[in-house]
Amino acid sequence: MEILWIILGAAFIIAGLIGAFLPVVPGLPFSYIGLLILQLLYTPFSISFMLVWLVIVILLGFVLDNVIPAWATKKSGGSPFAVTGSVIGLVVGLFFPPIGFVIGPLLGAFAGEIIAGQKSDRALKSALGAFAGFMAATGLKVMAAGVMAFYYFSNL
């Protein structure tokens, strides 16, 4: 039975890593669940360690998914259409790996700004800002999920 719990925890860790890239999958909470399963099995972490990661997951989940892309878009003069377009572009880009992961969000943000009524030069500037914010948030989520994966597998 213990092996099944370890496999389940590893599946949550892997889902968390995948979810760090995909905006529709709650990656950091999945990674945390993996750590929680390991904690319930072997108690390798302190309570403060688990509480700190819980706060990180909650805060990073909100800040990275909402605040950073919106801030970068606003700084570049973009609208919420750019952020939405960037997310849609990423989902479409998943069907065209690996270049789709990069081009999809950028084209999606550009299309969102064109739909919002921006001229193409202004839309490109806004799209680059939305893209930069989206990529920064994704990079930070991947790092956090990677650190949790490291702790999981190094404490088995």
N, C-alpha and C. Protein backbone atom coordinates (compact mmCIF):
# COMPACT_ATOMS: atom_id res chain seq x y z
N MET A 1 0.82 -1.19 0.00
CA MET A 1 0.00 0.00 0.00
C MET A 1 0.87 1.26 0.00
N GLU A 2 1.98 1.17 0.71
CA GLU A 2 2.89 2.30 0.78
C GLU A 2 3.42 2.69 -0.60
N ILE A 3 3.71 1.71 -1.42
CA ILE A 3 4.22 1.97 -2.77
C ILE A 3 3.17 2.70 -3.61
N LEU A 4 1.92 2.35 -3.43
CA LEU A 4 0.86 3.05 -4.16
C LEU A 4 0.79 4.52 -3.77
N TRP A 5 0.96 4.82 -2.48
CA TRP A 5 0.97 6.21 -2.03
C TRP A 5 2.16 6.97 -2.62
N ILE A 6 3.32 6.31 -2.68
CA ILE A 6 4.50 6.94 -3.26
C ILE A 6 4.27 7.24 -4.73
N ILE A 7 3.68 6.29 -5.45
CA ILE A 7 3.37 6.49 -6.87
C ILE A 7 2.37 7.62 -7.05
N LEU A 8 1.36 7.65 -6.19
CA LEU A 8 0.36 8.72 -6.26
C LEU A 8 1.01 10.08 -6.01
N GLY A 9 1.87 10.15 -4.99
CA GLY A 9 2.58 11.40 -4.70
C GLY A 9 3.45 11.83 -5.87
N ALA A 10 4.16 10.87 -6.48
CA ALA A 10 5.00 11.19 -7.64
C ALA A 10 4.15 11.65 -8.81
N ALA A 11 2.96 11.07 -8.98
CA ALA A 11 2.06 11.50 -10.06
C ALA A 11 1.62 12.95 -9.83
N PHE A 12 1.35 13.32 -8.58
CA PHE A 12 0.99 14.71 -8.29
C PHE A 12 2.16 15.65 -8.55
N ILE A 13 3.37 15.23 -8.21
CA ILE A 13 4.55 16.05 -8.46
C ILE A 13 4.73 16.26 -9.97
N ILE A 14 4.60 15.20 -10.75
CA ILE A 14 4.74 15.30 -12.20
C ILE A 14 3.62 16.16 -12.79
N ALA A 15 2.39 15.95 -12.30
CA ALA A 15 1.28 16.79 -12.76
C ALA A 15 1.53 18.26 -12.40
N GLY A 16 2.16 18.48 -11.26
CA GLY A 16 2.49 19.85 -10.86
C GLY A 16 3.51 20.48 -11.79
N LEU A 17 4.50 19.71 -12.20
CA LEU A 17 5.48 20.23 -13.15
C LEU A 17 4.84 20.55 -14.49
N ILE A 18 3.97 19.67 -14.95
CA ILE A 18 3.26 19.91 -16.21
C ILE A 18 2.35 21.12 -16.06
N GLY A 19 1.66 21.18 -14.94
CA GLY A 19 0.73 22.28 -14.69
C GLY A 19 1.41 23.63 -14.55
N ALA A 20 2.69 23.63 -14.21
CA ALA A 20 3.41 24.89 -14.14
C ALA A 20 3.50 25.54 -15.52
N PHE A 21 3.47 24.73 -16.56
CA PHE A 21 3.51 25.25 -17.94
C PHE A 21 2.13 25.58 -18.47
N LEU A 22 1.13 24.84 -18.03
CA LEU A 22 -0.21 24.99 -18.59
C LEU A 22 -1.10 25.82 -17.66
N PRO A 23 -1.72 26.86 -18.19
CA PRO A 23 -2.53 27.71 -17.33
C PRO A 23 -3.84 27.07 -16.85
N VAL A 24 -4.24 25.98 -17.46
CA VAL A 24 -5.52 25.35 -17.08
C VAL A 24 -5.35 24.28 -16.01
N VAL A 25 -4.10 23.94 -15.66
CA VAL A 25 -3.83 22.92 -14.65
C VAL A 25 -3.21 23.60 -13.43
N PRO A 26 -3.77 23.38 -12.24
CA PRO A 26 -3.22 24.02 -11.03
C PRO A 26 -1.92 23.34 -10.59
N GLY A 27 -0.82 23.69 -11.23
CA GLY A 27 0.45 23.01 -11.03
C GLY A 27 0.99 23.06 -9.62
N LEU A 28 1.08 24.25 -9.04
CA LEU A 28 1.67 24.36 -7.71
C LEU A 28 0.85 23.64 -6.64
N PRO A 29 -0.48 23.74 -6.65
CA PRO A 29 -1.23 22.94 -5.67
C PRO A 29 -1.03 21.44 -5.85
N PHE A 30 -0.92 20.97 -7.09
CA PHE A 30 -0.66 19.53 -7.31
C PHE A 30 0.69 19.14 -6.73
N SER A 31 1.71 19.96 -6.95
CA SER A 31 3.02 19.67 -6.39
C SER A 31 2.96 19.63 -4.87
N TYR A 32 2.23 20.57 -4.29
CA TYR A 32 2.11 20.60 -2.83
C TYR A 32 1.41 19.34 -2.31
N ILE A 33 0.41 18.88 -3.02
CA ILE A 33 -0.28 17.64 -2.61
C ILE A 33 0.71 16.48 -2.62
N GLY A 34 1.59 16.45 -3.61
CA GLY A 34 2.62 15.41 -3.64
C GLY A 34 3.50 15.47 -2.40
N LEU A 35 3.94 16.68 -2.02
CA LEU A 35 4.73 16.83 -0.79
C LEU A 35 3.94 16.41 0.44
N LEU A 36 2.67 16.75 0.46
CA LEU A 36 1.81 16.41 1.58
C LEU A 36 1.66 14.89 1.73
N ILE A 37 1.53 14.20 0.62
CA ILE A 37 1.44 12.73 0.67
C ILE A 37 2.72 12.16 1.26
N LEU A 38 3.87 12.66 0.82
CA LEU A 38 5.15 12.18 1.35
C LEU A 38 5.25 12.51 2.85
N GLN A 39 4.79 13.68 3.22
CA GLN A 39 4.82 14.08 4.63
C GLN A 39 3.97 13.15 5.48
N LEU A 40 2.81 12.77 4.99
CA LEU A 40 1.94 11.87 5.75
C LEU A 40 2.51 10.46 5.84
N LEU A 41 3.31 10.07 4.85
CA LEU A 41 3.91 8.73 4.87
C LEU A 41 5.12 8.65 5.80
N TYR A 42 6.06 9.58 5.63
CA TYR A 42 7.37 9.46 6.30
C TYR A 42 7.72 10.61 7.23
N THR A 43 7.01 11.71 7.19
CA THR A 43 7.30 12.92 7.95
C THR A 43 8.75 13.39 7.76
N PRO A 44 9.18 13.58 6.51
CA PRO A 44 10.56 14.03 6.30
C PRO A 44 10.76 15.53 6.49
N PHE A 45 9.67 16.29 6.56
CA PHE A 45 9.76 17.74 6.62
C PHE A 45 9.21 18.24 7.95
N SER A 46 9.66 19.42 8.32
CA SER A 46 9.13 20.04 9.54
C SER A 46 7.77 20.68 9.22
N ILE A 47 7.04 20.96 10.25
CA ILE A 47 5.75 21.64 10.08
C ILE A 47 5.96 23.02 9.47
N SER A 48 7.00 23.72 9.92
CA SER A 48 7.26 25.05 9.37
C SER A 48 7.60 24.97 7.88
N PHE A 49 8.33 23.95 7.46
CA PHE A 49 8.63 23.75 6.04
C PHE A 49 7.33 23.61 5.24
N MET A 50 6.44 22.78 5.73
CA MET A 50 5.17 22.56 5.02
C MET A 50 4.31 23.83 5.01
N LEU A 51 4.30 24.57 6.12
CA LEU A 51 3.52 25.80 6.17
C LEU A 51 4.10 26.88 5.25
N VAL A 52 5.42 26.97 5.19
CA VAL A 52 6.05 27.94 4.29
C VAL A 52 5.70 27.60 2.84
N TRP A 53 5.76 26.33 2.47
CA TRP A 53 5.41 25.95 1.10
C TRP A 53 3.93 26.18 0.82
N LEU A 54 3.09 26.00 1.83
CA LEU A 54 1.66 26.28 1.64
C LEU A 54 1.45 27.76 1.32
N VAL A 55 2.11 28.62 2.07
CA VAL A 55 2.00 30.06 1.82
C VAL A 55 2.56 30.40 0.44
N ILE A 56 3.69 29.80 0.09
CA ILE A 56 4.29 30.05 -1.24
C ILE A 56 3.32 29.64 -2.34
N VAL A 57 2.73 28.48 -2.19
CA VAL A 57 1.80 27.98 -3.22
C VAL A 57 0.59 28.91 -3.35
N ILE A 58 0.05 29.32 -2.23
CA ILE A 58 -1.13 30.19 -2.28
C ILE A 58 -0.78 31.56 -2.87
N LEU A 59 0.29 32.16 -2.36
CA LEU A 59 0.67 33.49 -2.83
C LEU A 59 1.17 33.46 -4.27
N LEU A 60 2.07 32.54 -4.56
CA LEU A 60 2.57 32.47 -5.93
C LEU A 60 1.48 32.12 -6.92
N GLY A 61 0.60 31.23 -6.50
CA GLY A 61 -0.50 30.87 -7.40
C GLY A 61 -1.33 32.07 -7.79
N PHE A 62 -1.62 32.92 -6.83
CA PHE A 62 -2.42 34.12 -7.14
C PHE A 62 -1.59 35.17 -7.86
N VAL A 63 -0.43 35.48 -7.28
CA VAL A 63 0.39 36.56 -7.84
C VAL A 63 0.87 36.21 -9.25
N LEU A 64 1.36 35.00 -9.42
CA LEU A 64 1.92 34.64 -10.73
C LEU A 64 0.85 34.50 -11.80
N ASP A 65 -0.30 34.01 -11.44
CA ASP A 65 -1.34 33.83 -12.45
C ASP A 65 -2.09 35.10 -12.78
N ASN A 66 -2.12 36.05 -11.86
CA ASN A 66 -2.95 37.23 -12.06
C ASN A 66 -2.17 38.54 -12.09
N VAL A 67 -1.35 38.76 -11.10
CA VAL A 67 -0.74 40.07 -10.94
C VAL A 67 0.39 40.34 -11.93
N ILE A 68 1.34 39.43 -12.05
CA ILE A 68 2.51 39.68 -12.90
C ILE A 68 2.13 39.87 -14.36
N PRO A 69 1.34 38.96 -14.97
CA PRO A 69 0.98 39.21 -16.38
C PRO A 69 0.19 40.51 -16.57
N ALA A 70 -0.72 40.80 -15.64
CA ALA A 70 -1.50 42.03 -15.76
C ALA A 70 -0.61 43.26 -15.59
N TRP A 71 0.33 43.22 -14.65
CA TRP A 71 1.24 44.33 -14.44
C TRP A 71 2.11 44.57 -15.67
N ALA A 72 2.68 43.50 -16.23
CA ALA A 72 3.54 43.65 -17.41
C ALA A 72 2.75 44.17 -18.60
N THR A 73 1.52 43.70 -18.75
CA THR A 73 0.67 44.18 -19.84
C THR A 73 0.35 45.65 -19.66
N LYS A 74 0.02 46.04 -18.44
CA LYS A 74 -0.31 47.44 -18.17
C LYS A 74 0.91 48.34 -18.41
N LYS A 75 2.09 47.87 -17.99
CA LYS A 75 3.31 48.66 -18.18
C LYS A 75 3.61 48.87 -19.66
N SER A 76 3.21 47.94 -20.49
CA SER A 76 3.46 48.07 -21.93
C SER A 76 2.28 48.70 -22.66
N GLY A 77 1.28 49.14 -21.91
CA GLY A 77 0.14 49.82 -22.52
C GLY A 77 -0.93 48.90 -23.05
N GLY A 78 -0.93 47.65 -22.62
CA GLY A 78 -1.90 46.68 -23.13
C GLY A 78 -3.19 46.62 -22.35
N SER A 79 -4.11 45.87 -22.89
CA SER A 79 -5.42 45.68 -22.28
C SER A 79 -5.54 44.25 -21.76
N PRO A 80 -6.59 43.96 -21.01
CA PRO A 80 -6.82 42.57 -20.58
C PRO A 80 -6.97 41.61 -21.76
N PHE A 81 -7.31 42.12 -22.93
CA PHE A 81 -7.42 41.26 -24.11
C PHE A 81 -6.07 40.63 -24.44
N ALA A 82 -4.97 41.35 -24.18
CA ALA A 82 -3.64 40.80 -24.45
C ALA A 82 -3.34 39.63 -23.54
N VAL A 83 -3.68 39.75 -22.26
CA VAL A 83 -3.44 38.66 -21.31
C VAL A 83 -4.27 37.44 -21.70
N THR A 84 -5.55 37.65 -21.98
CA THR A 84 -6.43 36.55 -22.38
C THR A 84 -5.94 35.92 -23.67
N GLY A 85 -5.56 36.74 -24.61
CA GLY A 85 -5.05 36.22 -25.88
C GLY A 85 -3.78 35.42 -25.70
N SER A 86 -2.94 35.84 -24.76
CA SER A 86 -1.70 35.11 -24.49
C SER A 86 -1.98 33.71 -23.95
N VAL A 87 -2.96 33.61 -23.06
CA VAL A 87 -3.33 32.30 -22.50
C VAL A 87 -3.93 31.41 -23.59
N ILE A 88 -4.82 31.97 -24.39
CA ILE A 88 -5.43 31.20 -25.49
C ILE A 88 -4.35 30.77 -26.48
N GLY A 89 -3.42 31.68 -26.77
CA GLY A 89 -2.32 31.35 -27.68
C GLY A 89 -1.46 30.22 -27.16
N LEU A 90 -1.25 30.17 -25.85
CA LEU A 90 -0.47 29.07 -25.28
C LEU A 90 -1.19 27.74 -25.48
N VAL A 91 -2.48 27.72 -25.21
CA VAL A 91 -3.25 26.48 -25.35
C VAL A 91 -3.21 26.00 -26.81
N VAL A 92 -3.39 26.92 -27.75
CA VAL A 92 -3.31 26.55 -29.17
C VAL A 92 -1.88 26.11 -29.51
N GLY A 93 -0.90 26.82 -28.96
CA GLY A 93 0.49 26.49 -29.22
C GLY A 93 0.90 25.11 -28.74
N LEU A 94 0.17 24.55 -27.79
CA LEU A 94 0.47 23.20 -27.30
C LEU A 94 0.37 22.15 -28.41
N PHE A 95 -0.42 22.46 -29.42
CA PHE A 95 -0.59 21.52 -30.52
C PHE A 95 0.52 21.63 -31.55
N PHE A 96 1.45 22.57 -31.36
CA PHE A 96 2.54 22.80 -32.31
C PHE A 96 3.88 22.92 -31.57
N PRO A 97 4.23 21.88 -30.79
CA PRO A 97 5.47 21.96 -30.02
C PRO A 97 6.70 21.88 -30.95
N PRO A 98 7.83 22.37 -30.55
CA PRO A 98 8.09 23.19 -29.38
C PRO A 98 7.89 24.68 -29.66
N ILE A 99 7.91 25.07 -30.93
CA ILE A 99 7.83 26.49 -31.26
C ILE A 99 6.49 27.11 -30.85
N GLY A 100 5.45 26.30 -30.81
CA GLY A 100 4.13 26.80 -30.41
C GLY A 100 4.08 27.30 -28.99
N PHE A 101 4.95 26.77 -28.12
CA PHE A 101 4.99 27.23 -26.72
C PHE A 101 5.44 28.68 -26.62
N VAL A 102 6.25 29.11 -27.57
CA VAL A 102 6.77 30.48 -27.55
C VAL A 102 5.93 31.40 -28.43
N ILE A 103 5.68 30.96 -29.65
CA ILE A 103 4.96 31.79 -30.61
C ILE A 103 3.48 31.92 -30.25
N GLY A 104 2.87 30.87 -29.72
CA GLY A 104 1.44 30.88 -29.40
C GLY A 104 1.03 32.02 -28.48
N PRO A 105 1.68 32.17 -27.31
CA PRO A 105 1.29 33.27 -26.42
C PRO A 105 1.53 34.65 -27.03
N LEU A 106 2.61 34.78 -27.78
CA LEU A 106 2.90 36.08 -28.40
C LEU A 106 1.85 36.44 -29.45
N LEU A 107 1.54 35.48 -30.33
CA LEU A 107 0.52 35.74 -31.35
C LEU A 107 -0.86 35.93 -30.73
N GLY A 108 -1.14 35.17 -29.68
CA GLY A 108 -2.43 35.32 -29.00
C GLY A 108 -2.60 36.70 -28.38
N ALA A 109 -1.54 37.19 -27.73
CA ALA A 109 -1.59 38.52 -27.14
C ALA A 109 -1.75 39.59 -28.22
N PHE A 110 -1.04 39.42 -29.33
CA PHE A 110 -1.15 40.35 -30.45
C PHE A 110 -2.58 40.36 -31.00
N ALA A 111 -3.14 39.16 -31.21
CA ALA A 111 -4.51 39.06 -31.72
C ALA A 111 -5.49 39.69 -30.74
N GLY A 112 -5.27 39.48 -29.45
CA GLY A 112 -6.15 40.08 -28.44
C GLY A 112 -6.15 41.59 -28.52
N GLU A 113 -4.99 42.17 -28.73
CA GLU A 113 -4.90 43.64 -28.83
C GLU A 113 -5.53 44.15 -30.14
N ILE A 114 -5.38 43.40 -31.21
CA ILE A 114 -6.02 43.79 -32.47
C ILE A 114 -7.54 43.75 -32.30
N ILE A 115 -8.03 42.71 -31.63
CA ILE A 115 -9.48 42.61 -31.36
C ILE A 115 -9.94 43.78 -30.49
N ALA A 116 -9.07 44.21 -29.56
CA ALA A 116 -9.41 45.34 -28.69
C ALA A 116 -9.39 46.67 -29.43
N GLY A 117 -8.94 46.66 -30.68
CA GLY A 117 -8.98 47.88 -31.48
C GLY A 117 -7.66 48.63 -31.56
N GLN A 118 -6.58 48.03 -31.12
CA GLN A 118 -5.28 48.69 -31.20
C GLN A 118 -4.72 48.62 -32.62
N LYS A 119 -3.91 49.61 -32.99
CA LYS A 119 -3.18 49.56 -34.26
C LYS A 119 -2.07 48.53 -34.12
N SER A 120 -1.57 48.04 -35.23
CA SER A 120 -0.63 46.92 -35.18
C SER A 120 0.66 47.24 -34.43
N ASP A 121 1.22 48.45 -34.56
CA ASP A 121 2.45 48.76 -33.84
C ASP A 121 2.21 48.81 -32.33
N ARG A 122 1.10 49.39 -31.93
CA ARG A 122 0.75 49.45 -30.51
C ARG A 122 0.39 48.05 -29.99
N ALA A 123 -0.29 47.28 -30.82
CA ALA A 123 -0.65 45.91 -30.43
C ALA A 123 0.59 45.06 -30.23
N LEU A 124 1.61 45.26 -31.07
CA LEU A 124 2.84 44.49 -30.93
C LEU A 124 3.55 44.83 -29.62
N LYS A 125 3.61 46.10 -29.28
CA LYS A 125 4.24 46.51 -28.02
C LYS A 125 3.49 45.90 -26.83
N SER A 126 2.18 45.98 -26.86
CA SER A 126 1.36 45.41 -25.78
C SER A 126 1.53 43.89 -25.72
N ALA A 127 1.56 43.26 -26.88
CA ALA A 127 1.72 41.80 -26.93
C ALA A 127 3.05 41.38 -26.34
N LEU A 128 4.11 42.13 -26.63
CA LEU A 128 5.42 41.80 -26.07
C LEU A 128 5.42 41.94 -24.55
N GLY A 129 4.72 42.94 -24.04
CA GLY A 129 4.61 43.10 -22.59
C GLY A 129 3.83 41.97 -21.95
N ALA A 130 2.70 41.62 -22.55
CA ALA A 130 1.89 40.51 -22.03
C ALA A 130 2.67 39.20 -22.09
N PHE A 131 3.38 39.02 -23.19
CA PHE A 131 4.18 37.81 -23.37
C PHE A 131 5.29 37.74 -22.32
N ALA A 132 5.97 38.85 -22.08
CA ALA A 132 7.04 38.88 -21.09
C ALA A 132 6.50 38.56 -19.69
N GLY A 133 5.36 39.15 -19.34
CA GLY A 133 4.76 38.86 -18.03
C GLY A 133 4.32 37.42 -17.89
N PHE A 134 3.73 36.90 -18.95
CA PHE A 134 3.28 35.51 -18.94
C PHE A 134 4.47 34.56 -18.80
N MET A 135 5.54 34.82 -19.55
CA MET A 135 6.72 33.95 -19.49
C MET A 135 7.43 34.06 -18.14
N ALA A 136 7.49 35.26 -17.58
CA ALA A 136 8.11 35.43 -16.26
C ALA A 136 7.33 34.63 -15.21
N ALA A 137 6.02 34.74 -15.25
CA ALA A 137 5.18 34.00 -14.29
C ALA A 137 5.34 32.50 -14.48
N THR A 138 5.35 32.05 -15.72
CA THR A 138 5.52 30.63 -16.00
C THR A 138 6.87 30.13 -15.52
N GLY A 139 7.92 30.91 -15.77
CA GLY A 139 9.25 30.52 -15.31
C GLY A 139 9.33 30.37 -13.80
N LEU A 140 8.73 31.29 -13.08
CA LEU A 140 8.74 31.21 -11.62
C LEU A 140 7.94 30.01 -11.11
N LYS A 141 6.81 29.72 -11.77
CA LYS A 141 6.02 28.55 -11.37
C LYS A 141 6.79 27.26 -11.63
N VAL A 142 7.48 27.20 -12.76
CA VAL A 142 8.28 26.01 -13.08
C VAL A 142 9.39 25.82 -12.04
N MET A 143 10.02 26.93 -11.65
CA MET A 143 11.07 26.82 -10.63
C MET A 143 10.51 26.33 -9.31
N ALA A 144 9.37 26.87 -8.88
CA ALA A 144 8.78 26.44 -7.61
C ALA A 144 8.37 24.97 -7.67
N ALA A 145 7.75 24.56 -8.78
CA ALA A 145 7.36 23.15 -8.93
C ALA A 145 8.59 22.26 -8.98
N GLY A 146 9.65 22.73 -9.61
CA GLY A 146 10.90 21.96 -9.68
C GLY A 146 11.54 21.78 -8.32
N VAL A 147 11.51 22.83 -7.50
CA VAL A 147 12.07 22.71 -6.15
C VAL A 147 11.25 21.71 -5.33
N MET A 148 9.93 21.77 -5.45
CA MET A 148 9.10 20.80 -4.72
C MET A 148 9.37 19.38 -5.22
N ALA A 149 9.57 19.21 -6.52
CA ALA A 149 9.90 17.89 -7.07
C ALA A 149 11.24 17.41 -6.51
N PHE A 150 12.20 18.30 -6.42
CA PHE A 150 13.50 17.95 -5.85
C PHE A 150 13.33 17.45 -4.41
N TYR A 151 12.59 18.21 -3.61
CA TYR A 151 12.39 17.79 -2.21
C TYR A 151 11.66 16.46 -2.13
N TYR A 152 10.69 16.25 -3.01
CA TYR A 152 9.95 14.99 -2.98
C TYR A 152 10.89 13.81 -3.26
N PHE A 153 11.57 13.88 -4.40
CA PHE A 153 12.36 12.72 -4.81
C PHE A 153 13.63 12.55 -3.98
N SER A 154 14.16 13.61 -3.40
CA SER A 154 15.35 13.46 -2.56
C SER A 154 15.02 12.96 -1.16
N ASN A 155 13.74 12.96 -0.80
CA ASN A 155 13.33 12.49 0.53
C ASN A 155 12.56 11.17 0.50
N LEU A 156 12.60 10.49 -0.62
CA LEU A 156 11.94 9.17 -0.69
C LEU A 156 12.74 8.14 0.09
